[in-house]
Amino acid sequence: MRYIPTKDLDFAGWLDVRRKYIVDYNAIGGSSAGAVLGLCQRGDGTFFETPGSVYRKIVEGEETPDNARMKRGRMLEDVVVRMFEEETGLKTRNDFKIRIHDSYDWAIGDYDRMVVSHDDLGPSILEVKTTDSWVYKTWLENYEGIPPYQLAQCQHYMWISGHNTCYWAVLLVDTWELHYHRIHRDDDYLAAYHVPRLQNFVENHLQKRVPPPPLNENDARMVWGEEIPGKYIDVGSEDFKELLKAIHMSSVASGLDK
């Protein structure tokens, strides 16, 4: 297993090292995998992250501003881990690594914690989240608890490390309830869907500097720019949103939407 050691880095140092590797190797981490796969959708079908947004971060250096939700997650990470250990009786440890897939330089993973081996499935990964009870209720109604883009993140980590399982734990910050699930590595999904689509995105979009098909208005601005000589496009219009849907469906049908 290849990795970059991060034990002696603070958060800013870790962020700099990780960002440099991502830019140098057109790398995809677990938190970006769901976006590349087109899984980061809201309940109304709109996308909050897309292959285009990942492209802009890596190729154009666009940064995601730190926000209250992100800070909350970092500050409560240790709390969620302690609650998980108390409720399950399992032991965890810090990983202190940016892990790199043995065969693909572009595939990386940063795990919140490693779960010490406690059965014949060996050591496991622990991924922790924070949200509120209203959001979690929608997750239960729509996804049986775990949103697809977060499942993809866990599968991504297991693929890189070779571990058989990943625990996913979420703290509801308004009720202080902890929910957790154990996810098993799905080699069929990884081989047929996850890895080929990420590899296509890296090789045919990131490395070639070709933006992927747009899925929302920000993507469209990246592809077509703010203005097209001799024409005017209202990116907020219903017609334009239908155009985006048509482009997306066309790319799916042709196998280009990776």
C-alpha atoms as a PDB file:
ATOM      1  CA  MET A   1       0.000   0.000   0.000  1.00  0.00           C
ATOM      2  CA  ARG A   2       1.397   3.365  -1.067  1.00  0.00           C
ATOM      3  CA  TYR A   3       0.720   6.439   1.019  1.00  0.00           C
ATOM      4  CA  ILE A   4       1.833   9.929   2.025  1.00  0.00           C
ATOM      5  CA  PRO A   5       2.409  10.192   5.804  1.00  0.00           C
ATOM      6  CA  THR A   6       0.488  13.035   7.456  1.00  0.00           C
ATOM      7  CA  LYS A   7       1.031  12.458  11.187  1.00  0.00           C
ATOM      8  CA  ASP A   8       3.130  15.604  11.701  1.00  0.00           C
ATOM      9  CA  LEU A   9       0.875  17.905   9.651  1.00  0.00           C
ATOM     10  CA  ASP A  10      -1.770  20.274  10.976  1.00  0.00           C
ATOM     11  CA  PHE A  11      -5.015  20.710   9.054  1.00  0.00           C
ATOM     12  CA  ALA A  12      -3.628  23.465   6.805  1.00  0.00           C
ATOM     13  CA  GLY A  13      -0.491  21.428   6.072  1.00  0.00           C
ATOM     14  CA  TRP A  14      -2.525  18.316   5.302  1.00  0.00           C
ATOM     15  CA  LEU A  15      -4.764  20.345   3.005  1.00  0.00           C
ATOM     16  CA  ASP A  16      -1.766  21.749   1.094  1.00  0.00           C
ATOM     17  CA  VAL A  17      -0.139  18.328   0.637  1.00  0.00           C
ATOM     18  CA  ARG A  18      -3.401  16.741  -0.462  1.00  0.00           C
ATOM     19  CA  ARG A  19      -4.243  19.567  -2.870  1.00  0.00           C
ATOM     20  CA  LYS A  20      -0.790  19.433  -4.470  1.00  0.00           C
ATOM     21  CA  TYR A  21      -1.064  15.687  -5.056  1.00  0.00           C
ATOM     22  CA  ILE A  22      -4.554  16.051  -6.527  1.00  0.00           C
ATOM     23  CA  VAL A  23      -3.396  18.725  -8.975  1.00  0.00           C
ATOM     24  CA  ASP A  24      -0.157  16.936  -9.904  1.00  0.00           C
ATOM     25  CA  TYR A  25      -1.826  13.572 -10.536  1.00  0.00           C
ATOM     26  CA  ASN A  26      -5.387  14.598 -11.485  1.00  0.00           C
ATOM     27  CA  ALA A  27      -6.394  12.597  -8.441  1.00  0.00           C
ATOM     28  CA  ILE A  28      -9.875  11.673  -7.234  1.00  0.00           C
ATOM     29  CA  GLY A  29     -10.518  11.281  -3.510  1.00  0.00           C
ATOM     30  CA  GLY A  30     -13.469   9.642  -1.824  1.00  0.00           C
ATOM     31  CA  SER A  31     -15.320  12.895  -1.245  1.00  0.00           C
ATOM     32  CA  SER A  32     -15.158  13.691  -4.987  1.00  0.00           C
ATOM     33  CA  ALA A  33     -16.025  10.231  -6.284  1.00  0.00           C
ATOM     34  CA  GLY A  34     -19.781  10.657  -5.839  1.00  0.00           C
ATOM     35  CA  ALA A  35     -19.721  13.956  -7.707  1.00  0.00           C
ATOM     36  CA  VAL A  36     -17.796  12.459 -10.630  1.00  0.00           C
ATOM     37  CA  LEU A  37     -20.337   9.627 -10.755  1.00  0.00           C
ATOM     38  CA  GLY A  38     -23.259  12.078 -10.840  1.00  0.00           C
ATOM     39  CA  LEU A  39     -24.620  10.989  -7.456  1.00  0.00           C
ATOM     40  CA  CYS A  40     -24.633  14.340  -5.644  1.00  0.00           C
ATOM     41  CA  GLN A  41     -28.283  15.263  -6.145  1.00  0.00           C
ATOM     42  CA  ARG A  42     -30.793  17.071  -3.974  1.00  0.00           C
ATOM     43  CA  GLY A  43     -34.325  15.834  -3.457  1.00  0.00           C
ATOM     44  CA  ASP A  44     -35.558  17.983  -6.355  1.00  0.00           C
ATOM     45  CA  GLY A  45     -33.103  16.364  -8.758  1.00  0.00           C
ATOM     46  CA  THR A  46     -30.669  19.282  -8.975  1.00  0.00           C
ATOM     47  CA  PHE A  47     -26.961  18.710  -8.438  1.00  0.00           C
ATOM     48  CA  PHE A  48     -24.996  20.312  -5.608  1.00  0.00           C
ATOM     49  CA  GLU A  49     -21.739  18.872  -6.941  1.00  0.00           C
ATOM     50  CA  THR A  50     -21.006  17.621 -10.436  1.00  0.00           C
ATOM     51  CA  PRO A  51     -18.175  16.221 -12.554  1.00  0.00           C
ATOM     52  CA  GLY A  52     -17.810  19.809 -13.748  1.00  0.00           C
ATOM     53  CA  SER A  53     -17.263  21.171 -10.250  1.00  0.00           C
ATOM     54  CA  VAL A  54     -14.576  18.532  -9.625  1.00  0.00           C
ATOM     55  CA  TYR A  55     -12.990  19.480 -12.963  1.00  0.00           C
ATOM     56  CA  ARG A  56     -12.941  23.168 -11.998  1.00  0.00           C
ATOM     57  CA  LYS A  57     -11.284  22.428  -8.656  1.00  0.00           C
ATOM     58  CA  ILE A  58      -8.524  20.320 -10.181  1.00  0.00           C
ATOM     59  CA  VAL A  59      -7.898  22.033 -13.517  1.00  0.00           C
ATOM     60  CA  GLU A  60      -8.814  25.639 -12.755  1.00  0.00           C
ATOM     61  CA  GLY A  61      -7.892  25.727  -9.071  1.00  0.00           C
ATOM     62  CA  GLU A  62     -11.397  26.651  -7.926  1.00  0.00           C
ATOM     63  CA  GLU A  63     -11.610  26.319  -4.143  1.00  0.00           C
ATOM     64  CA  THR A  64     -14.583  25.442  -1.975  1.00  0.00           C
ATOM     65  CA  PRO A  65     -14.850  28.133   0.727  1.00  0.00           C
ATOM     66  CA  ASP A  66     -14.785  26.822   4.270  1.00  0.00           C
ATOM     67  CA  ASN A  67     -18.266  27.016   5.763  1.00  0.00           C
ATOM     68  CA  ALA A  68     -20.104  26.358   9.027  1.00  0.00           C
ATOM     69  CA  ARG A  69     -21.125  22.828   8.020  1.00  0.00           C
ATOM     70  CA  MET A  70     -17.541  21.861   7.203  1.00  0.00           C
ATOM     71  CA  LYS A  71     -16.217  23.381  10.436  1.00  0.00           C
ATOM     72  CA  ARG A  72     -18.908  21.571  12.426  1.00  0.00           C
ATOM     73  CA  GLY A  73     -17.861  18.267  10.920  1.00  0.00           C
ATOM     74  CA  ARG A  74     -14.193  18.797  11.774  1.00  0.00           C
ATOM     75  CA  MET A  75     -14.882  19.962  15.322  1.00  0.00           C
ATOM     76  CA  LEU A  76     -17.253  17.104  16.098  1.00  0.00           C
ATOM     77  CA  GLU A  77     -15.264  14.327  14.422  1.00  0.00           C
ATOM     78  CA  ASP A  78     -13.576  13.194  17.636  1.00  0.00           C
ATOM     79  CA  VAL A  79     -16.924  13.328  19.471  1.00  0.00           C
ATOM     80  CA  VAL A  80     -18.588  11.100  16.878  1.00  0.00           C
ATOM     81  CA  VAL A  81     -15.683   8.645  17.051  1.00  0.00           C
ATOM     82  CA  ARG A  82     -15.912   8.424  20.857  1.00  0.00           C
ATOM     83  CA  MET A  83     -19.674   7.886  20.690  1.00  0.00           C
ATOM     84  CA  PHE A  84     -19.186   5.187  18.060  1.00  0.00           C
ATOM     85  CA  GLU A  85     -16.645   3.392  20.242  1.00  0.00           C
ATOM     86  CA  GLU A  86     -18.930   3.576  23.290  1.00  0.00           C
ATOM     87  CA  GLU A  87     -21.979   2.270  21.444  1.00  0.00           C
ATOM     88  CA  THR A  88     -20.219  -0.533  19.560  1.00  0.00           C
ATOM     89  CA  GLY A  89     -17.438  -1.500  21.931  1.00  0.00           C
ATOM     90  CA  LEU A  90     -15.037  -1.307  18.978  1.00  0.00           C
ATOM     91  CA  LYS A  91     -11.633   0.349  19.073  1.00  0.00           C
ATOM     92  CA  THR A  92     -10.405   2.814  16.487  1.00  0.00           C
ATOM     93  CA  ARG A  93      -7.145   4.535  15.640  1.00  0.00           C
ATOM     94  CA  ASN A  94      -6.034   7.428  13.484  1.00  0.00           C
ATOM     95  CA  ASP A  95      -4.640   6.495  10.085  1.00  0.00           C
ATOM     96  CA  PHE A  96      -2.431   9.561   9.406  1.00  0.00           C
ATOM     97  CA  LYS A  97      -2.068   8.710   5.714  1.00  0.00           C
ATOM     98  CA  ILE A  98      -3.181   9.872   2.313  1.00  0.00           C
ATOM     99  CA  ARG A  99      -3.503   6.422   0.764  1.00  0.00           C
ATOM    100  CA  ILE A 100      -2.796   5.857  -2.935  1.00  0.00           C
ATOM    101  CA  HIS A 101      -4.104   2.912  -4.935  1.00  0.00           C
ATOM    102  CA  ASP A 102      -1.371   0.443  -5.858  1.00  0.00           C
ATOM    103  CA  SER A 103      -2.256   0.535  -9.585  1.00  0.00           C
ATOM    104  CA  TYR A 104      -3.792   3.985 -10.083  1.00  0.00           C
ATOM    105  CA  ASP A 105      -1.901   7.143  -9.103  1.00  0.00           C
ATOM    106  CA  TRP A 106      -5.108   9.141  -9.501  1.00  0.00           C
ATOM    107  CA  ALA A 107      -7.054   7.235  -6.811  1.00  0.00           C
ATOM    108  CA  ILE A 108      -6.521   8.446  -3.240  1.00  0.00           C
ATOM    109  CA  GLY A 109      -8.279   8.163   0.090  1.00  0.00           C
ATOM    110  CA  ASP A 110      -8.132   9.810   3.522  1.00  0.00           C
ATOM    111  CA  TYR A 111      -9.917   7.829   6.219  1.00  0.00           C
ATOM    112  CA  ASP A 112     -11.397   9.391   9.340  1.00  0.00           C
ATOM    113  CA  ARG A 113     -10.346   6.371  11.412  1.00  0.00           C
ATOM    114  CA  MET A 114      -9.391   2.715  11.139  1.00  0.00           C
ATOM    115  CA  VAL A 115     -11.392   0.199  13.177  1.00  0.00           C
ATOM    116  CA  VAL A 116      -9.207  -2.406  14.860  1.00  0.00           C
ATOM    117  CA  SER A 117      -9.883  -5.938  13.626  1.00  0.00           C
ATOM    118  CA  HIS A 118     -12.603  -7.651  15.655  1.00  0.00           C
ATOM    119  CA  ASP A 119     -13.814 -10.525  13.438  1.00  0.00           C
ATOM    120  CA  ASP A 120     -12.747 -12.656  10.479  1.00  0.00           C
ATOM    121  CA  LEU A 121     -13.321  -9.733   8.077  1.00  0.00           C
ATOM    122  CA  GLY A 122     -10.234  -7.961   9.414  1.00  0.00           C
ATOM    123  CA  PRO A 123      -9.670  -4.252  10.053  1.00  0.00           C
ATOM    124  CA  SER A 124     -12.315  -1.820   8.872  1.00  0.00           C
ATOM    125  CA  ILE A 125     -12.615   1.835   7.906  1.00  0.00           C
ATOM    126  CA  LEU A 126     -14.694   4.359   9.845  1.00  0.00           C
ATOM    127  CA  GLU A 127     -16.227   7.320   8.033  1.00  0.00           C
ATOM    128  CA  VAL A 128     -18.051   9.824  10.253  1.00  0.00           C
ATOM    129  CA  LYS A 129     -20.611  12.488   9.344  1.00  0.00           C
ATOM    130  CA  THR A 130     -22.750  15.092  11.080  1.00  0.00           C
ATOM    131  CA  THR A 131     -26.180  16.322  10.044  1.00  0.00           C
ATOM    132  CA  ASP A 132     -29.560  17.102  11.622  1.00  0.00           C
ATOM    133  CA  SER A 133     -32.614  14.924  12.155  1.00  0.00           C
ATOM    134  CA  TRP A 134     -34.588  16.511   9.306  1.00  0.00           C
ATOM    135  CA  VAL A 135     -31.884  15.738   6.743  1.00  0.00           C
ATOM    136  CA  TYR A 136     -31.394  12.246   8.133  1.00  0.00           C
ATOM    137  CA  LYS A 137     -35.143  11.640   7.850  1.00  0.00           C
ATOM    138  CA  THR A 138     -34.956  12.405   4.124  1.00  0.00           C
ATOM    139  CA  TRP A 139     -31.994  10.035   3.835  1.00  0.00           C
ATOM    140  CA  LEU A 140     -34.038   7.278   5.470  1.00  0.00           C
ATOM    141  CA  GLU A 141     -37.008   7.928   3.207  1.00  0.00           C
ATOM    142  CA  ASN A 142     -35.002   8.090  -0.001  1.00  0.00           C
ATOM    143  CA  TYR A 143     -31.897   5.964   0.546  1.00  0.00           C
ATOM    144  CA  GLU A 144     -32.555   3.749   3.591  1.00  0.00           C
ATOM    145  CA  GLY A 145     -30.126   5.890   5.549  1.00  0.00           C
ATOM    146  CA  ILE A 146     -26.984   6.413   3.466  1.00  0.00           C
ATOM    147  CA  PRO A 147     -26.986   8.773   0.452  1.00  0.00           C
ATOM    148  CA  PRO A 148     -25.532   7.238  -2.730  1.00  0.00           C
ATOM    149  CA  TYR A 149     -22.617   9.678  -2.913  1.00  0.00           C
ATOM    150  CA  GLN A 150     -21.556   8.694   0.614  1.00  0.00           C
ATOM    151  CA  LEU A 151     -21.860   5.004  -0.227  1.00  0.00           C
ATOM    152  CA  ALA A 152     -19.588   5.682  -3.211  1.00  0.00           C
ATOM    153  CA  GLN A 153     -17.102   7.346  -0.867  1.00  0.00           C
ATOM    154  CA  CYS A 154     -16.991   4.261   1.355  1.00  0.00           C
ATOM    155  CA  GLN A 155     -16.661   1.910  -1.628  1.00  0.00           C
ATOM    156  CA  HIS A 156     -13.856   4.117  -2.964  1.00  0.00           C
ATOM    157  CA  TYR A 157     -11.932   3.788   0.285  1.00  0.00           C
ATOM    158  CA  MET A 158     -12.379   0.009   0.438  1.00  0.00           C
ATOM    159  CA  TRP A 159     -11.255  -0.311  -3.178  1.00  0.00           C
ATOM    160  CA  ILE A 160      -8.051   1.642  -2.478  1.00  0.00           C
ATOM    161  CA  SER A 161      -7.186  -0.144   0.757  1.00  0.00           C
ATOM    162  CA  GLY A 162      -8.503  -3.620   0.019  1.00  0.00           C
ATOM    163  CA  HIS A 163     -10.447  -3.650   3.276  1.00  0.00           C
ATOM    164  CA  ASN A 164     -13.639  -5.700   3.326  1.00  0.00           C
ATOM    165  CA  THR A 165     -15.860  -3.356   5.335  1.00  0.00           C
ATOM    166  CA  CYS A 166     -16.421   0.278   6.197  1.00  0.00           C
ATOM    167  CA  TYR A 167     -18.457   1.648   9.081  1.00  0.00           C
ATOM    168  CA  TRP A 168     -20.464   4.774   8.340  1.00  0.00           C
ATOM    169  CA  ALA A 169     -21.539   6.738  11.428  1.00  0.00           C
ATOM    170  CA  VAL A 170     -23.592   9.930  11.550  1.00  0.00           C
ATOM    171  CA  LEU A 171     -24.333  12.179  14.523  1.00  0.00           C
ATOM    172  CA  LEU A 172     -27.614  14.139  14.496  1.00  0.00           C
ATOM    173  CA  VAL A 173     -26.511  17.398  16.020  1.00  0.00           C
ATOM    174  CA  ASP A 174     -29.985  18.560  17.101  1.00  0.00           C
ATOM    175  CA  THR A 175     -30.955  15.361  18.953  1.00  0.00           C
ATOM    176  CA  TRP A 176     -27.472  14.024  19.764  1.00  0.00           C
ATOM    177  CA  GLU A 177     -28.393  10.621  18.315  1.00  0.00           C
ATOM    178  CA  LEU A 178     -25.814   8.418  16.650  1.00  0.00           C
ATOM    179  CA  HIS A 179     -26.679   6.084  13.770  1.00  0.00           C
ATOM    180  CA  TYR A 180     -24.246   3.737  12.096  1.00  0.00           C
ATOM    181  CA  HIS A 181     -24.119   1.056   9.415  1.00  0.00           C
ATOM    182  CA  ARG A 182     -21.546  -1.488   8.312  1.00  0.00           C
ATOM    183  CA  ILE A 183     -20.958  -1.503   4.562  1.00  0.00           C
ATOM    184  CA  HIS A 184     -19.328  -4.394   2.716  1.00  0.00           C
ATOM    185  CA  ARG A 185     -17.056  -3.938  -0.275  1.00  0.00           C
ATOM    186  CA  ASP A 186     -18.917  -4.550  -3.529  1.00  0.00           C
ATOM    187  CA  ASP A 187     -16.373  -5.781  -6.054  1.00  0.00           C
ATOM    188  CA  ASP A 188     -18.976  -6.155  -8.811  1.00  0.00           C
ATOM    189  CA  TYR A 189     -20.038  -2.520  -8.457  1.00  0.00           C
ATOM    190  CA  LEU A 190     -16.430  -1.342  -8.307  1.00  0.00           C
ATOM    191  CA  ALA A 191     -15.383  -3.269 -11.418  1.00  0.00           C
ATOM    192  CA  ALA A 192     -18.436  -2.550 -13.553  1.00  0.00           C
ATOM    193  CA  TYR A 193     -19.256   1.018 -12.588  1.00  0.00           C
ATOM    194  CA  HIS A 194     -17.097   2.886 -10.094  1.00  0.00           C
ATOM    195  CA  VAL A 195     -13.571   2.359 -11.397  1.00  0.00           C
ATOM    196  CA  PRO A 196     -14.287   2.569 -15.170  1.00  0.00           C
ATOM    197  CA  ARG A 197     -16.235   5.800 -14.814  1.00  0.00           C
ATOM    198  CA  LEU A 198     -13.634   7.470 -12.628  1.00  0.00           C
ATOM    199  CA  GLN A 199     -10.863   6.316 -14.947  1.00  0.00           C
ATOM    200  CA  ASN A 200     -12.726   7.685 -17.957  1.00  0.00           C
ATOM    201  CA  PHE A 201     -13.193  11.029 -16.210  1.00  0.00           C
ATOM    202  CA  VAL A 202      -9.494  11.249 -15.363  1.00  0.00           C
ATOM    203  CA  GLU A 203      -8.173  10.141 -18.758  1.00  0.00           C
ATOM    204  CA  ASN A 204     -10.670  11.839 -21.075  1.00  0.00           C
ATOM    205  CA  HIS A 205     -11.473  14.999 -19.154  1.00  0.00           C
ATOM    206  CA  LEU A 206      -8.830  15.887 -16.554  1.00  0.00           C
ATOM    207  CA  GLN A 207      -5.742  14.761 -18.454  1.00  0.00           C
ATOM    208  CA  LYS A 208      -6.987  16.065 -21.797  1.00  0.00           C
ATOM    209  CA  ARG A 209      -8.373  19.271 -20.248  1.00  0.00           C
ATOM    210  CA  VAL A 210     -11.799  18.668 -21.767  1.00  0.00           C
ATOM    211  CA  PRO A 211     -14.699  19.793 -19.534  1.00  0.00           C
ATOM    212  CA  PRO A 212     -17.335  17.101 -18.916  1.00  0.00           C
ATOM    213  CA  PRO A 213     -20.952  17.546 -20.089  1.00  0.00           C
ATOM    214  CA  PRO A 214     -22.722  20.185 -17.958  1.00  0.00           C
ATOM    215  CA  LEU A 215     -25.252  19.132 -15.341  1.00  0.00           C
ATOM    216  CA  ASN A 216     -26.125  22.539 -13.900  1.00  0.00           C
ATOM    217  CA  GLU A 217     -25.804  26.253 -14.628  1.00  0.00           C
ATOM    218  CA  ASN A 218     -22.265  26.617 -13.265  1.00  0.00           C
ATOM    219  CA  ASP A 219     -21.133  23.761 -15.480  1.00  0.00           C
ATOM    220  CA  ALA A 220     -22.756  25.401 -18.497  1.00  0.00           C
ATOM    221  CA  ARG A 221     -20.939  28.667 -17.840  1.00  0.00           C
ATOM    222  CA  MET A 222     -17.664  26.737 -17.710  1.00  0.00           C
ATOM    223  CA  VAL A 223     -18.345  25.035 -21.061  1.00  0.00           C
ATOM    224  CA  TRP A 224     -19.898  27.917 -22.996  1.00  0.00           C
ATOM    225  CA  GLY A 225     -18.757  30.975 -21.094  1.00  0.00           C
ATOM    226  CA  GLU A 226     -20.881  33.891 -19.996  1.00  0.00           C
ATOM    227  CA  GLU A 227     -21.507  35.069 -23.537  1.00  0.00           C
ATOM    228  CA  ILE A 228     -21.758  33.490 -26.961  1.00  0.00           C
ATOM    229  CA  PRO A 229     -21.216  35.959 -29.867  1.00  0.00           C
ATOM    230  CA  GLY A 230     -24.456  36.664 -31.701  1.00  0.00           C
ATOM    231  CA  LYS A 231     -26.564  34.668 -29.240  1.00  0.00           C
ATOM    232  CA  TYR A 232     -28.019  35.076 -25.787  1.00  0.00           C
ATOM    233  CA  ILE A 233     -28.672  32.240 -23.370  1.00  0.00           C
ATOM    234  CA  ASP A 234     -30.700  32.785 -20.219  1.00  0.00           C
ATOM    235  CA  VAL A 235     -29.108  30.186 -17.925  1.00  0.00           C
ATOM    236  CA  GLY A 236     -31.947  30.574 -15.446  1.00  0.00           C
ATOM    237  CA  SER A 237     -34.734  29.817 -17.890  1.00  0.00           C
ATOM    238  CA  GLU A 238     -36.790  26.643 -17.921  1.00  0.00           C
ATOM    239  CA  ASP A 239     -35.846  26.072 -21.558  1.00  0.00           C
ATOM    240  CA  PHE A 240     -32.180  26.103 -20.628  1.00  0.00           C
ATOM    241  CA  LYS A 241     -32.761  23.680 -17.753  1.00  0.00           C
ATOM    242  CA  GLU A 242     -34.502  21.351 -20.183  1.00  0.00           C
ATOM    243  CA  LEU A 243     -31.498  21.713 -22.498  1.00  0.00           C
ATOM    244  CA  LEU A 244     -29.204  20.634 -19.663  1.00  0.00           C
ATOM    245  CA  LYS A 245     -31.392  17.599 -19.026  1.00  0.00           C
ATOM    246  CA  ALA A 246     -31.315  16.699 -22.710  1.00  0.00           C
ATOM    247  CA  ILE A 247     -27.535  17.002 -22.839  1.00  0.00           C
ATOM    248  CA  HIS A 248     -27.238  14.845 -19.742  1.00  0.00           C
ATOM    249  CA  MET A 249     -29.565  12.147 -21.091  1.00  0.00           C
ATOM    250  CA  SER A 250     -27.738  12.161 -24.408  1.00  0.00           C
ATOM    251  CA  SER A 251     -24.381  11.719 -22.708  1.00  0.00           C
ATOM    252  CA  VAL A 252     -25.756   8.859 -20.593  1.00  0.00           C
ATOM    253  CA  ALA A 253     -27.123   7.130 -23.692  1.00  0.00           C
ATOM    254  CA  SER A 254     -23.829   7.487 -25.500  1.00  0.00           C
ATOM    255  CA  GLY A 255     -21.784   6.308 -22.544  1.00  0.00           C
ATOM    256  CA  LEU A 256     -19.967   9.629 -22.231  1.00  0.00           C
ATOM    257  CA  ASP A 257     -21.405  10.661 -18.874  1.00  0.00           C
ATOM    258  CA  LYS A 258     -18.706   9.314 -16.596  1.00  0.00           C
END
